[in-house]
Amino acid sequence: RPLSLVWRIEDGEPRVEVPPDEEIEAARAVVGFRRIQLDPAASTVRLESEGMSLGMGGIGKGWAAARVGDVLRGRGVHRFLIDAGGDVLVGDGPAAGEGWRVAIAGPGGETLTTWTVENMAVATSGDYARFREIDGVRYSHIIDPRTGRPAAWMPSVTVRYADAASADAYATAASVLGPDEALKFAERKPGLEVLLVLRDGTLRK
């Protein structure tokens, strides 16, 4: 969260210049999941360093879609489509023997391909719609915590996975990892499928 505030891609007054290295490094010093202390017994979260804060951007929409899906199934509704701002969770198909058709868009809004899914989540991360231009360079809202700078590998990553919160998180992680590492990551996760849109418009999966 502190890195997002430094870059101000989405929050606060727009950044008009690239942050200086010392500002980025100061923010990097107070980010990282290893600095978060969880106490399941007490249901508490403690942030280890002063200046830390949490943002739910990496999993929030997927988690919300999953909870809505739980409510619907708990009430006997199994045929549904939930769209949480681009993170999609579907139940049984719209008709017997049919799945839901989810289109994957390109940078110009064109349909690159279509997935047919049932009881599955589809999540997309990237800089198609959420970015900031500084001196003619596009900077994604997704920050790589290893460098403190916006992820620059791919304009779009779409994943499908059974759990919506995990799908949201995996799409964000893949955006940071880059094409080769993202595909290797998917190979280690049974049931996870990844579709990458590269800067030149080509697809990898």
N, C-alpha and C. Protein backbone atom coordinates (compact mmCIF):
# COMPACT_ATOMS: atom_id res chain seq x y z
N ARG A 1 0.82 -1.22 0.00
CA ARG A 1 0.00 0.00 0.00
C ARG A 1 0.86 1.28 0.00
N PRO A 2 1.92 1.37 0.83
CA PRO A 2 2.73 2.59 0.78
C PRO A 2 3.33 2.86 -0.60
N LEU A 3 3.70 1.81 -1.34
CA LEU A 3 4.24 2.02 -2.69
C LEU A 3 3.18 2.58 -3.63
N SER A 4 1.95 2.09 -3.50
CA SER A 4 0.86 2.62 -4.32
C SER A 4 0.67 4.11 -4.05
N LEU A 5 0.79 4.50 -2.80
CA LEU A 5 0.61 5.91 -2.45
C LEU A 5 1.76 6.76 -2.99
N VAL A 6 2.96 6.20 -3.03
CA VAL A 6 4.10 6.93 -3.57
C VAL A 6 3.89 7.22 -5.06
N TRP A 7 3.42 6.22 -5.79
CA TRP A 7 3.23 6.38 -7.23
C TRP A 7 1.93 7.12 -7.55
N ARG A 8 0.94 7.03 -6.66
CA ARG A 8 -0.34 7.70 -6.83
C ARG A 8 -0.93 7.46 -8.23
N ILE A 9 -0.92 6.19 -8.66
CA ILE A 9 -1.52 5.84 -9.94
C ILE A 9 -3.03 6.06 -9.87
N GLU A 10 -3.62 5.73 -8.70
CA GLU A 10 -5.08 5.81 -8.57
C GLU A 10 -5.52 6.73 -7.45
N ASP A 11 -4.71 6.87 -6.41
CA ASP A 11 -5.13 7.59 -5.21
C ASP A 11 -4.54 8.99 -5.16
N GLY A 12 -5.33 9.92 -4.70
CA GLY A 12 -4.83 11.25 -4.45
C GLY A 12 -4.56 12.05 -5.71
N GLU A 13 -3.83 13.13 -5.55
CA GLU A 13 -3.49 14.00 -6.68
C GLU A 13 -2.56 13.26 -7.63
N PRO A 14 -2.83 13.28 -8.94
CA PRO A 14 -2.02 12.52 -9.89
C PRO A 14 -0.54 12.88 -9.82
N ARG A 15 0.30 11.87 -9.91
CA ARG A 15 1.74 12.08 -9.93
C ARG A 15 2.14 12.56 -11.33
N VAL A 16 2.95 13.59 -11.40
CA VAL A 16 3.33 14.12 -12.71
C VAL A 16 4.79 13.83 -13.03
N GLU A 17 5.52 13.20 -12.10
CA GLU A 17 6.89 12.80 -12.36
C GLU A 17 7.16 11.47 -11.68
N VAL A 18 8.15 10.75 -12.16
CA VAL A 18 8.53 9.48 -11.55
C VAL A 18 9.09 9.77 -10.15
N PRO A 19 8.64 9.04 -9.13
CA PRO A 19 9.14 9.29 -7.78
C PRO A 19 10.66 9.09 -7.70
N PRO A 20 11.35 9.88 -6.92
CA PRO A 20 12.79 9.68 -6.76
C PRO A 20 13.10 8.35 -6.07
N ASP A 21 14.29 7.83 -6.33
CA ASP A 21 14.67 6.52 -5.80
C ASP A 21 14.55 6.45 -4.28
N GLU A 22 14.95 7.50 -3.60
CA GLU A 22 14.92 7.46 -2.13
C GLU A 22 13.49 7.36 -1.60
N GLU A 23 12.53 7.96 -2.29
CA GLU A 23 11.14 7.87 -1.87
C GLU A 23 10.60 6.45 -2.08
N ILE A 24 10.98 5.84 -3.21
CA ILE A 24 10.57 4.47 -3.49
C ILE A 24 11.18 3.51 -2.46
N GLU A 25 12.46 3.68 -2.17
CA GLU A 25 13.13 2.78 -1.23
C GLU A 25 12.58 2.94 0.19
N ALA A 26 12.20 4.14 0.57
CA ALA A 26 11.60 4.35 1.89
C ALA A 26 10.28 3.61 2.00
N ALA A 27 9.49 3.61 0.92
CA ALA A 27 8.22 2.89 0.92
C ALA A 27 8.45 1.38 0.90
N ARG A 28 9.44 0.92 0.14
CA ARG A 28 9.73 -0.51 0.10
C ARG A 28 10.10 -1.06 1.46
N ALA A 29 10.67 -0.21 2.30
CA ALA A 29 11.11 -0.65 3.63
C ALA A 29 9.95 -0.99 4.55
N VAL A 30 8.73 -0.58 4.19
CA VAL A 30 7.58 -0.85 5.05
C VAL A 30 6.48 -1.61 4.31
N VAL A 31 6.88 -2.41 3.32
CA VAL A 31 5.91 -3.28 2.66
C VAL A 31 6.41 -4.71 2.73
N GLY A 32 5.49 -5.65 2.54
CA GLY A 32 5.87 -7.05 2.52
C GLY A 32 5.03 -7.88 3.47
N PHE A 33 4.57 -9.04 2.98
CA PHE A 33 3.69 -9.88 3.80
C PHE A 33 4.40 -10.43 5.02
N ARG A 34 5.72 -10.52 5.00
CA ARG A 34 6.46 -11.03 6.16
C ARG A 34 6.40 -10.08 7.35
N ARG A 35 5.99 -8.85 7.10
CA ARG A 35 5.87 -7.87 8.18
C ARG A 35 4.45 -7.81 8.75
N ILE A 36 3.59 -8.72 8.30
CA ILE A 36 2.22 -8.79 8.80
C ILE A 36 2.12 -9.95 9.78
N GLN A 37 1.68 -9.67 11.00
CA GLN A 37 1.56 -10.70 12.03
C GLN A 37 0.08 -11.02 12.26
N LEU A 38 -0.27 -12.26 11.99
CA LEU A 38 -1.65 -12.72 12.13
C LEU A 38 -1.79 -13.55 13.40
N ASP A 39 -2.87 -13.32 14.12
CA ASP A 39 -3.19 -14.12 15.30
C ASP A 39 -4.58 -14.70 15.10
N PRO A 40 -4.67 -15.91 14.50
CA PRO A 40 -5.99 -16.49 14.22
C PRO A 40 -6.84 -16.67 15.47
N ALA A 41 -6.21 -17.01 16.60
CA ALA A 41 -6.97 -17.25 17.82
C ALA A 41 -7.69 -15.98 18.28
N ALA A 42 -7.00 -14.85 18.15
CA ALA A 42 -7.58 -13.58 18.60
C ALA A 42 -8.25 -12.81 17.46
N SER A 43 -8.14 -13.35 16.24
CA SER A 43 -8.69 -12.67 15.06
C SER A 43 -8.14 -11.26 14.93
N THR A 44 -6.81 -11.14 15.06
CA THR A 44 -6.18 -9.83 14.96
C THR A 44 -5.08 -9.83 13.90
N VAL A 45 -4.80 -8.63 13.39
CA VAL A 45 -3.72 -8.41 12.44
C VAL A 45 -2.85 -7.28 12.99
N ARG A 46 -1.54 -7.51 13.05
CA ARG A 46 -0.63 -6.48 13.53
C ARG A 46 0.38 -6.16 12.42
N LEU A 47 0.54 -4.88 12.13
CA LEU A 47 1.51 -4.43 11.14
C LEU A 47 2.80 -4.10 11.87
N GLU A 48 3.87 -4.73 11.44
CA GLU A 48 5.12 -4.71 12.18
C GLU A 48 5.82 -3.36 12.16
N SER A 49 5.73 -2.64 11.03
CA SER A 49 6.50 -1.41 10.86
C SER A 49 5.60 -0.18 10.81
N GLU A 50 6.08 0.90 11.39
CA GLU A 50 5.35 2.17 11.32
C GLU A 50 5.28 2.63 9.86
N GLY A 51 4.10 3.08 9.46
CA GLY A 51 3.92 3.52 8.09
C GLY A 51 3.32 2.47 7.18
N MET A 52 3.20 1.22 7.68
CA MET A 52 2.57 0.18 6.88
C MET A 52 1.07 0.40 6.80
N SER A 53 0.48 -0.10 5.73
CA SER A 53 -0.97 -0.13 5.61
C SER A 53 -1.33 -1.26 4.66
N LEU A 54 -2.57 -1.68 4.71
CA LEU A 54 -3.04 -2.78 3.88
C LEU A 54 -4.01 -2.28 2.84
N GLY A 55 -3.90 -2.82 1.64
CA GLY A 55 -4.87 -2.56 0.58
C GLY A 55 -5.41 -3.88 0.09
N MET A 56 -6.66 -3.92 -0.24
CA MET A 56 -7.30 -5.17 -0.66
C MET A 56 -7.38 -5.31 -2.18
N GLY A 57 -6.67 -4.44 -2.90
CA GLY A 57 -6.79 -4.42 -4.35
C GLY A 57 -6.44 -5.73 -5.03
N GLY A 58 -5.51 -6.50 -4.44
CA GLY A 58 -5.08 -7.73 -5.08
C GLY A 58 -6.06 -8.87 -4.99
N ILE A 59 -6.96 -8.83 -3.99
CA ILE A 59 -7.90 -9.94 -3.82
C ILE A 59 -9.34 -9.49 -3.55
N GLY A 60 -9.53 -8.19 -3.34
CA GLY A 60 -10.82 -7.70 -2.83
C GLY A 60 -12.02 -8.06 -3.68
N LYS A 61 -11.93 -7.82 -4.99
CA LYS A 61 -13.09 -8.09 -5.85
C LYS A 61 -13.36 -9.59 -5.95
N GLY A 62 -12.29 -10.38 -6.05
CA GLY A 62 -12.46 -11.82 -6.10
C GLY A 62 -13.05 -12.37 -4.82
N TRP A 63 -12.58 -11.85 -3.69
CA TRP A 63 -13.10 -12.30 -2.39
C TRP A 63 -14.58 -11.95 -2.28
N ALA A 64 -14.95 -10.73 -2.69
CA ALA A 64 -16.36 -10.32 -2.62
C ALA A 64 -17.23 -11.20 -3.51
N ALA A 65 -16.74 -11.51 -4.72
CA ALA A 65 -17.51 -12.38 -5.62
C ALA A 65 -17.70 -13.76 -5.01
N ALA A 66 -16.64 -14.28 -4.37
CA ALA A 66 -16.72 -15.60 -3.74
C ALA A 66 -17.75 -15.63 -2.63
N ARG A 67 -17.79 -14.56 -1.83
CA ARG A 67 -18.75 -14.52 -0.72
C ARG A 67 -20.18 -14.44 -1.25
N VAL A 68 -20.41 -13.65 -2.31
CA VAL A 68 -21.75 -13.59 -2.90
C VAL A 68 -22.14 -14.95 -3.45
N GLY A 69 -21.18 -15.63 -4.10
CA GLY A 69 -21.46 -16.97 -4.61
C GLY A 69 -21.84 -17.93 -3.50
N ASP A 70 -21.16 -17.82 -2.34
CA ASP A 70 -21.49 -18.66 -1.19
C ASP A 70 -22.92 -18.42 -0.72
N VAL A 71 -23.32 -17.15 -0.68
CA VAL A 71 -24.67 -16.80 -0.24
C VAL A 71 -25.70 -17.39 -1.21
N LEU A 72 -25.46 -17.23 -2.50
CA LEU A 72 -26.41 -17.74 -3.50
C LEU A 72 -26.53 -19.25 -3.39
N ARG A 73 -25.42 -19.94 -3.33
CA ARG A 73 -25.48 -21.41 -3.23
C ARG A 73 -26.16 -21.84 -1.94
N GLY A 74 -25.90 -21.08 -0.86
CA GLY A 74 -26.52 -21.40 0.42
C GLY A 74 -28.03 -21.26 0.38
N ARG A 75 -28.54 -20.46 -0.55
CA ARG A 75 -29.98 -20.27 -0.70
C ARG A 75 -30.56 -21.09 -1.86
N GLY A 76 -29.75 -22.02 -2.35
CA GLY A 76 -30.24 -22.92 -3.38
C GLY A 76 -30.15 -22.40 -4.79
N VAL A 77 -29.45 -21.27 -4.99
CA VAL A 77 -29.28 -20.71 -6.33
C VAL A 77 -27.94 -21.17 -6.87
N HIS A 78 -27.95 -21.97 -7.93
CA HIS A 78 -26.70 -22.52 -8.47
C HIS A 78 -26.42 -22.06 -9.89
N ARG A 79 -27.38 -21.37 -10.51
CA ARG A 79 -27.17 -20.86 -11.87
C ARG A 79 -27.05 -19.35 -11.77
N PHE A 80 -25.84 -18.85 -11.87
CA PHE A 80 -25.62 -17.40 -11.71
C PHE A 80 -24.34 -16.97 -12.40
N LEU A 81 -24.23 -15.67 -12.63
CA LEU A 81 -23.01 -15.02 -13.10
C LEU A 81 -22.83 -13.75 -12.28
N ILE A 82 -21.71 -13.63 -11.62
CA ILE A 82 -21.39 -12.45 -10.80
C ILE A 82 -20.22 -11.73 -11.47
N ASP A 83 -20.40 -10.44 -11.75
CA ASP A 83 -19.33 -9.63 -12.34
C ASP A 83 -18.95 -8.56 -11.32
N ALA A 84 -17.80 -8.74 -10.70
CA ALA A 84 -17.32 -7.78 -9.69
C ALA A 84 -16.26 -6.89 -10.34
N GLY A 85 -16.70 -6.01 -11.22
CA GLY A 85 -15.78 -5.08 -11.86
C GLY A 85 -14.72 -5.76 -12.71
N GLY A 86 -15.12 -6.79 -13.43
CA GLY A 86 -14.17 -7.49 -14.30
C GLY A 86 -13.72 -8.83 -13.75
N ASP A 87 -13.89 -9.05 -12.47
CA ASP A 87 -13.65 -10.37 -11.89
C ASP A 87 -14.97 -11.11 -11.91
N VAL A 88 -15.00 -12.23 -12.61
CA VAL A 88 -16.25 -12.95 -12.87
C VAL A 88 -16.24 -14.28 -12.14
N LEU A 89 -17.37 -14.60 -11.53
CA LEU A 89 -17.59 -15.91 -10.93
C LEU A 89 -18.90 -16.45 -11.47
N VAL A 90 -18.88 -17.67 -12.00
CA VAL A 90 -20.10 -18.25 -12.54
C VAL A 90 -20.40 -19.57 -11.85
N GLY A 91 -21.68 -19.88 -11.78
CA GLY A 91 -22.14 -21.16 -11.26
C GLY A 91 -22.47 -22.10 -12.40
N ASP A 92 -23.55 -22.85 -12.25
CA ASP A 92 -23.99 -23.72 -13.34
C ASP A 92 -24.29 -22.87 -14.57
N GLY A 93 -24.22 -23.50 -15.75
CA GLY A 93 -24.44 -22.79 -17.00
C GLY A 93 -25.83 -22.22 -17.11
N PRO A 94 -26.04 -21.28 -18.05
CA PRO A 94 -27.36 -20.64 -18.22
C PRO A 94 -28.44 -21.61 -18.65
N ALA A 95 -28.04 -22.74 -19.22
CA ALA A 95 -29.01 -23.77 -19.60
C ALA A 95 -28.31 -25.12 -19.48
N ALA A 96 -29.07 -26.17 -19.38
CA ALA A 96 -28.50 -27.50 -19.22
C ALA A 96 -27.53 -27.81 -20.36
N GLY A 97 -26.35 -28.26 -19.99
CA GLY A 97 -25.35 -28.62 -20.99
C GLY A 97 -24.60 -27.44 -21.58
N GLU A 98 -24.85 -26.23 -21.11
CA GLU A 98 -24.17 -25.04 -21.63
C GLU A 98 -23.35 -24.38 -20.52
N GLY A 99 -22.23 -23.80 -20.92
CA GLY A 99 -21.45 -23.00 -19.99
C GLY A 99 -21.65 -21.52 -20.28
N TRP A 100 -21.09 -20.69 -19.41
CA TRP A 100 -21.10 -19.24 -19.62
C TRP A 100 -19.94 -18.87 -20.54
N ARG A 101 -20.18 -18.00 -21.50
CA ARG A 101 -19.13 -17.55 -22.41
C ARG A 101 -18.58 -16.23 -21.90
N VAL A 102 -17.28 -16.23 -21.60
CA VAL A 102 -16.60 -15.04 -21.08
C VAL A 102 -15.58 -14.60 -22.10
N ALA A 103 -15.74 -13.39 -22.63
CA ALA A 103 -14.83 -12.86 -23.64
C ALA A 103 -13.62 -12.21 -22.98
N ILE A 104 -12.45 -12.43 -23.57
CA ILE A 104 -11.21 -11.80 -23.12
C ILE A 104 -10.89 -10.67 -24.08
N ALA A 105 -10.86 -9.45 -23.55
CA ALA A 105 -10.70 -8.26 -24.39
C ALA A 105 -9.23 -7.89 -24.59
N GLY A 106 -8.95 -7.29 -25.73
CA GLY A 106 -7.63 -6.75 -26.01
C GLY A 106 -7.55 -5.29 -25.63
N PRO A 107 -6.40 -4.65 -25.87
CA PRO A 107 -6.22 -3.26 -25.43
C PRO A 107 -7.17 -2.27 -26.07
N GLY A 108 -7.70 -2.60 -27.26
CA GLY A 108 -8.64 -1.70 -27.91
C GLY A 108 -10.08 -2.07 -27.68
N GLY A 109 -10.31 -3.04 -26.76
CA GLY A 109 -11.66 -3.50 -26.49
C GLY A 109 -12.11 -4.63 -27.38
N GLU A 110 -11.26 -5.04 -28.32
CA GLU A 110 -11.61 -6.14 -29.22
C GLU A 110 -11.56 -7.47 -28.47
N THR A 111 -12.35 -8.44 -28.92
CA THR A 111 -12.36 -9.76 -28.30
C THR A 111 -11.21 -10.60 -28.86
N LEU A 112 -10.31 -11.01 -27.98
CA LEU A 112 -9.16 -11.82 -28.39
C LEU A 112 -9.51 -13.30 -28.45
N THR A 113 -10.27 -13.74 -27.47
CA THR A 113 -10.71 -15.13 -27.42
C THR A 113 -11.87 -15.23 -26.45
N THR A 114 -12.50 -16.37 -26.40
CA THR A 114 -13.64 -16.58 -25.51
C THR A 114 -13.45 -17.88 -24.76
N TRP A 115 -13.68 -17.86 -23.47
CA TRP A 115 -13.66 -19.07 -22.64
C TRP A 115 -15.10 -19.45 -22.30
N THR A 116 -15.39 -20.73 -22.33
CA THR A 116 -16.69 -21.24 -21.88
C THR A 116 -16.46 -21.93 -20.54
N VAL A 117 -17.13 -21.45 -19.50
CA VAL A 117 -16.83 -21.90 -18.15
C VAL A 117 -18.10 -22.20 -17.36
N GLU A 118 -17.98 -23.10 -16.40
CA GLU A 118 -19.01 -23.40 -15.42
C GLU A 118 -18.35 -23.57 -14.07
N ASN A 119 -19.01 -23.06 -13.02
CA ASN A 119 -18.51 -23.19 -11.66
C ASN A 119 -17.02 -22.85 -11.60
N MET A 120 -16.72 -21.66 -12.08
CA MET A 120 -15.35 -21.22 -12.25
C MET A 120 -15.27 -19.71 -12.11
N ALA A 121 -14.09 -19.23 -11.70
CA ALA A 121 -13.83 -17.80 -11.64
C ALA A 121 -12.88 -17.40 -12.76
N VAL A 122 -13.10 -16.22 -13.32
CA VAL A 122 -12.21 -15.65 -14.34
C VAL A 122 -11.84 -14.25 -13.86
N ALA A 123 -10.53 -14.00 -13.73
CA ALA A 123 -10.06 -12.71 -13.22
C ALA A 123 -9.01 -12.15 -14.17
N THR A 124 -9.05 -10.84 -14.36
CA THR A 124 -8.09 -10.15 -15.23
C THR A 124 -7.39 -9.04 -14.47
N SER A 125 -6.08 -8.97 -14.65
CA SER A 125 -5.28 -7.86 -14.12
C SER A 125 -4.47 -7.26 -15.24
N GLY A 126 -4.18 -5.98 -15.13
CA GLY A 126 -3.36 -5.34 -16.16
C GLY A 126 -3.55 -3.84 -16.17
N ASP A 127 -2.98 -3.20 -17.18
CA ASP A 127 -3.01 -1.74 -17.22
C ASP A 127 -3.87 -1.19 -18.36
N TYR A 128 -4.80 -2.01 -18.88
CA TYR A 128 -5.69 -1.51 -19.93
C TYR A 128 -6.44 -0.27 -19.48
N ALA A 129 -7.00 -0.34 -18.29
CA ALA A 129 -7.88 0.73 -17.83
C ALA A 129 -7.32 1.51 -16.64
N ARG A 130 -6.37 0.91 -15.93
CA ARG A 130 -5.88 1.54 -14.69
C ARG A 130 -4.38 1.78 -14.82
N PHE A 131 -4.03 3.02 -15.12
CA PHE A 131 -2.62 3.36 -15.35
C PHE A 131 -2.46 4.88 -15.23
N ARG A 132 -1.22 5.31 -15.26
CA ARG A 132 -0.91 6.73 -15.29
C ARG A 132 0.19 6.95 -16.31
N GLU A 133 0.05 7.97 -17.13
CA GLU A 133 1.12 8.31 -18.08
C GLU A 133 1.96 9.44 -17.51
N ILE A 134 3.28 9.22 -17.50
CA ILE A 134 4.23 10.24 -17.05
C ILE A 134 5.27 10.38 -18.14
N ASP A 135 5.39 11.57 -18.70
CA ASP A 135 6.34 11.83 -19.79
C ASP A 135 6.16 10.84 -20.94
N GLY A 136 4.89 10.52 -21.25
CA GLY A 136 4.59 9.66 -22.37
C GLY A 136 4.76 8.18 -22.12
N VAL A 137 5.11 7.78 -20.89
CA VAL A 137 5.29 6.38 -20.55
C VAL A 137 4.12 5.91 -19.69
N ARG A 138 3.55 4.76 -20.03
CA ARG A 138 2.42 4.22 -19.27
C ARG A 138 2.93 3.42 -18.08
N TYR A 139 2.40 3.74 -16.90
CA TYR A 139 2.77 3.04 -15.67
C TYR A 139 1.53 2.35 -15.10
N SER A 140 1.65 1.05 -14.88
CA SER A 140 0.54 0.26 -14.37
C SER A 140 0.25 0.60 -12.91
N HIS A 141 -1.00 0.31 -12.49
CA HIS A 141 -1.35 0.47 -11.08
C HIS A 141 -0.83 -0.69 -10.25
N ILE A 142 -0.35 -1.76 -10.90
CA ILE A 142 0.19 -2.92 -10.18
C ILE A 142 1.66 -2.69 -9.91
N ILE A 143 2.04 -2.68 -8.64
CA ILE A 143 3.41 -2.40 -8.24
C ILE A 143 4.15 -3.69 -7.92
N ASP A 144 5.35 -3.83 -8.45
CA ASP A 144 6.21 -4.97 -8.14
C ASP A 144 6.93 -4.67 -6.82
N PRO A 145 6.63 -5.40 -5.75
CA PRO A 145 7.26 -5.09 -4.46
C PRO A 145 8.76 -5.34 -4.45
N ARG A 146 9.26 -6.13 -5.41
CA ARG A 146 10.69 -6.41 -5.45
C ARG A 146 11.49 -5.20 -5.93
N THR A 147 10.87 -4.38 -6.76
CA THR A 147 11.57 -3.22 -7.31
C THR A 147 10.99 -1.90 -6.80
N GLY A 148 9.75 -1.94 -6.33
CA GLY A 148 9.08 -0.71 -5.92
C GLY A 148 8.52 0.08 -7.09
N ARG A 149 8.54 -0.53 -8.28
CA ARG A 149 8.10 0.16 -9.48
C ARG A 149 6.95 -0.59 -10.15
N PRO A 150 6.14 0.09 -10.96
CA PRO A 150 5.01 -0.57 -11.61
C PRO A 150 5.45 -1.74 -12.48
N ALA A 151 4.66 -2.80 -12.46
CA ALA A 151 4.91 -3.96 -13.31
C ALA A 151 4.78 -3.54 -14.77
N ALA A 152 5.72 -3.96 -15.60
CA ALA A 152 5.73 -3.48 -16.98
C ALA A 152 5.74 -4.59 -18.01
N TRP A 153 5.55 -5.83 -17.55
CA TRP A 153 5.68 -6.95 -18.47
C TRP A 153 4.57 -7.04 -19.50
N MET A 154 3.31 -6.99 -19.02
CA MET A 154 2.18 -7.32 -19.89
C MET A 154 1.01 -6.39 -19.62
N PRO A 155 0.27 -5.99 -20.66
CA PRO A 155 -0.90 -5.15 -20.43
C PRO A 155 -2.08 -5.90 -19.83
N SER A 156 -2.08 -7.24 -19.95
CA SER A 156 -3.24 -7.98 -19.44
C SER A 156 -2.87 -9.42 -19.12
N VAL A 157 -3.37 -9.89 -17.99
CA VAL A 157 -3.27 -11.30 -17.58
C VAL A 157 -4.65 -11.74 -17.15
N THR A 158 -5.15 -12.82 -17.73
CA THR A 158 -6.44 -13.38 -17.34
C THR A 158 -6.23 -14.81 -16.86
N VAL A 159 -6.85 -15.16 -15.76
CA VAL A 159 -6.73 -16.52 -15.24
C VAL A 159 -8.12 -17.08 -14.98
N ARG A 160 -8.21 -18.40 -15.01
CA ARG A 160 -9.44 -19.06 -14.55
C ARG A 160 -9.04 -20.11 -13.53
N TYR A 161 -9.86 -20.15 -12.47
CA TYR A 161 -9.56 -21.01 -11.34
C TYR A 161 -10.86 -21.21 -10.57
N ALA A 162 -10.91 -22.26 -9.78
CA ALA A 162 -12.16 -22.57 -9.09
C ALA A 162 -12.53 -21.53 -8.04
N ASP A 163 -11.55 -21.00 -7.32
CA ASP A 163 -11.80 -20.06 -6.23
C ASP A 163 -11.60 -18.63 -6.71
N ALA A 164 -12.59 -17.76 -6.51
CA ALA A 164 -12.54 -16.41 -7.07
C ALA A 164 -11.48 -15.54 -6.40
N ALA A 165 -11.33 -15.62 -5.07
CA ALA A 165 -10.33 -14.81 -4.40
C ALA A 165 -8.93 -15.20 -4.85
N SER A 166 -8.68 -16.50 -4.98
CA SER A 166 -7.37 -16.97 -5.45
C SER A 166 -7.14 -16.55 -6.89
N ALA A 167 -8.18 -16.63 -7.73
CA ALA A 167 -8.03 -16.22 -9.13
C ALA A 167 -7.61 -14.76 -9.21
N ASP A 168 -8.21 -13.90 -8.41
CA ASP A 168 -7.87 -12.49 -8.37
C ASP A 168 -6.40 -12.32 -7.98
N ALA A 169 -5.99 -13.01 -6.93
CA ALA A 169 -4.61 -12.91 -6.45
C ALA A 169 -3.62 -13.45 -7.47
N TYR A 170 -3.96 -14.57 -8.11
CA TYR A 170 -3.04 -15.16 -9.08
C TYR A 170 -2.87 -14.28 -10.31
N ALA A 171 -3.93 -13.61 -10.74
CA ALA A 171 -3.83 -12.71 -11.89
C ALA A 171 -2.88 -11.56 -11.59
N THR A 172 -2.98 -11.01 -10.38
CA THR A 172 -2.08 -9.93 -9.99
C THR A 172 -0.65 -10.43 -9.88
N ALA A 173 -0.45 -11.59 -9.26
CA ALA A 173 0.89 -12.15 -9.12
C ALA A 173 1.52 -12.42 -10.47
N ALA A 174 0.75 -12.96 -11.41
CA ALA A 174 1.27 -13.25 -12.74
C ALA A 174 1.69 -11.97 -13.46
N SER A 175 0.95 -10.88 -13.23
CA SER A 175 1.31 -9.60 -13.84
C SER A 175 2.68 -9.13 -13.38
N VAL A 176 3.00 -9.42 -12.13
CA VAL A 176 4.29 -9.02 -11.57
C VAL A 176 5.41 -9.95 -12.02
N LEU A 177 5.12 -11.25 -12.13
CA LEU A 177 6.15 -12.23 -12.41
C LEU A 177 6.72 -12.12 -13.82
N GLY A 178 5.90 -11.72 -14.79
CA GLY A 178 6.35 -11.72 -16.17
C GLY A 178 5.97 -13.01 -16.87
N PRO A 179 6.04 -13.04 -18.21
CA PRO A 179 5.49 -14.16 -18.98
C PRO A 179 6.04 -15.53 -18.60
N ASP A 180 7.34 -15.70 -18.63
CA ASP A 180 7.92 -17.02 -18.40
C ASP A 180 7.63 -17.53 -17.00
N GLU A 181 7.87 -16.69 -16.00
CA GLU A 181 7.65 -17.13 -14.62
C GLU A 181 6.17 -17.32 -14.33
N ALA A 182 5.31 -16.52 -14.96
CA ALA A 182 3.86 -16.67 -14.76
C ALA A 182 3.39 -18.03 -15.25
N LEU A 183 3.89 -18.46 -16.41
CA LEU A 183 3.50 -19.76 -16.95
C LEU A 183 4.05 -20.91 -16.10
N LYS A 184 5.26 -20.75 -15.60
CA LYS A 184 5.82 -21.77 -14.70
C LYS A 184 5.00 -21.86 -13.41
N PHE A 185 4.58 -20.70 -12.92
CA PHE A 185 3.75 -20.66 -11.71
C PHE A 185 2.45 -21.42 -11.94
N ALA A 186 1.82 -21.20 -13.11
CA ALA A 186 0.55 -21.86 -13.43
C ALA A 186 0.73 -23.37 -13.51
N GLU A 187 1.87 -23.81 -14.00
CA GLU A 187 2.12 -25.25 -14.11
C GLU A 187 2.18 -25.91 -12.73
N ARG A 188 2.57 -25.15 -11.73
CA ARG A 188 2.67 -25.70 -10.36
C ARG A 188 1.35 -25.67 -9.61
N LYS A 189 0.32 -25.04 -10.20
CA LYS A 189 -0.97 -24.91 -9.54
C LYS A 189 -2.03 -25.72 -10.31
N PRO A 190 -2.34 -26.93 -9.88
CA PRO A 190 -3.35 -27.72 -10.59
C PRO A 190 -4.67 -26.96 -10.72
N GLY A 191 -5.24 -26.98 -11.91
CA GLY A 191 -6.53 -26.32 -12.13
C GLY A 191 -6.44 -24.86 -12.50
N LEU A 192 -5.22 -24.31 -12.52
CA LEU A 192 -5.05 -22.89 -12.86
C LEU A 192 -4.67 -22.76 -14.33
N GLU A 193 -5.42 -21.92 -15.06
CA GLU A 193 -5.09 -21.63 -16.46
C GLU A 193 -4.84 -20.14 -16.59
N VAL A 194 -3.78 -19.80 -17.32
CA VAL A 194 -3.36 -18.41 -17.46
C VAL A 194 -3.32 -18.04 -18.94
N LEU A 195 -3.85 -16.87 -19.27
CA LEU A 195 -3.77 -16.32 -20.62
C LEU A 195 -3.09 -14.96 -20.53
N LEU A 196 -1.95 -14.83 -21.21
CA LEU A 196 -1.17 -13.60 -21.17
C LEU A 196 -1.30 -12.84 -22.47
N VAL A 197 -1.52 -11.55 -22.37
CA VAL A 197 -1.52 -10.68 -23.54
C VAL A 197 -0.23 -9.85 -23.47
N LEU A 198 0.65 -10.04 -24.44
CA LEU A 198 1.94 -9.36 -24.43
C LEU A 198 1.82 -7.97 -25.06
N ARG A 199 2.87 -7.18 -24.94
CA ARG A 199 2.86 -5.80 -25.43
C ARG A 199 2.63 -5.72 -26.94
N ASP A 200 3.06 -6.76 -27.66
CA ASP A 200 2.86 -6.73 -29.11
C ASP A 200 1.51 -7.31 -29.54
N GLY A 201 0.64 -7.64 -28.56
CA GLY A 201 -0.69 -8.13 -28.85
C GLY A 201 -0.79 -9.63 -28.99
N THR A 202 0.33 -10.34 -28.94
CA THR A 202 0.29 -11.80 -29.04
C THR A 202 -0.16 -12.42 -27.71
N LEU A 203 -0.66 -13.66 -27.80
CA LEU A 203 -1.16 -14.37 -26.63
C LEU A 203 -0.20 -15.48 -26.26
N ARG A 204 -0.08 -15.72 -24.96
CA ARG A 204 0.65 -16.89 -24.46
C ARG A 204 -0.21 -17.57 -23.40
N LYS A 205 -0.18 -18.89 -23.40
CA LYS A 205 -0.92 -19.62 -22.38
C LYS A 205 -0.27 -20.98 -22.14
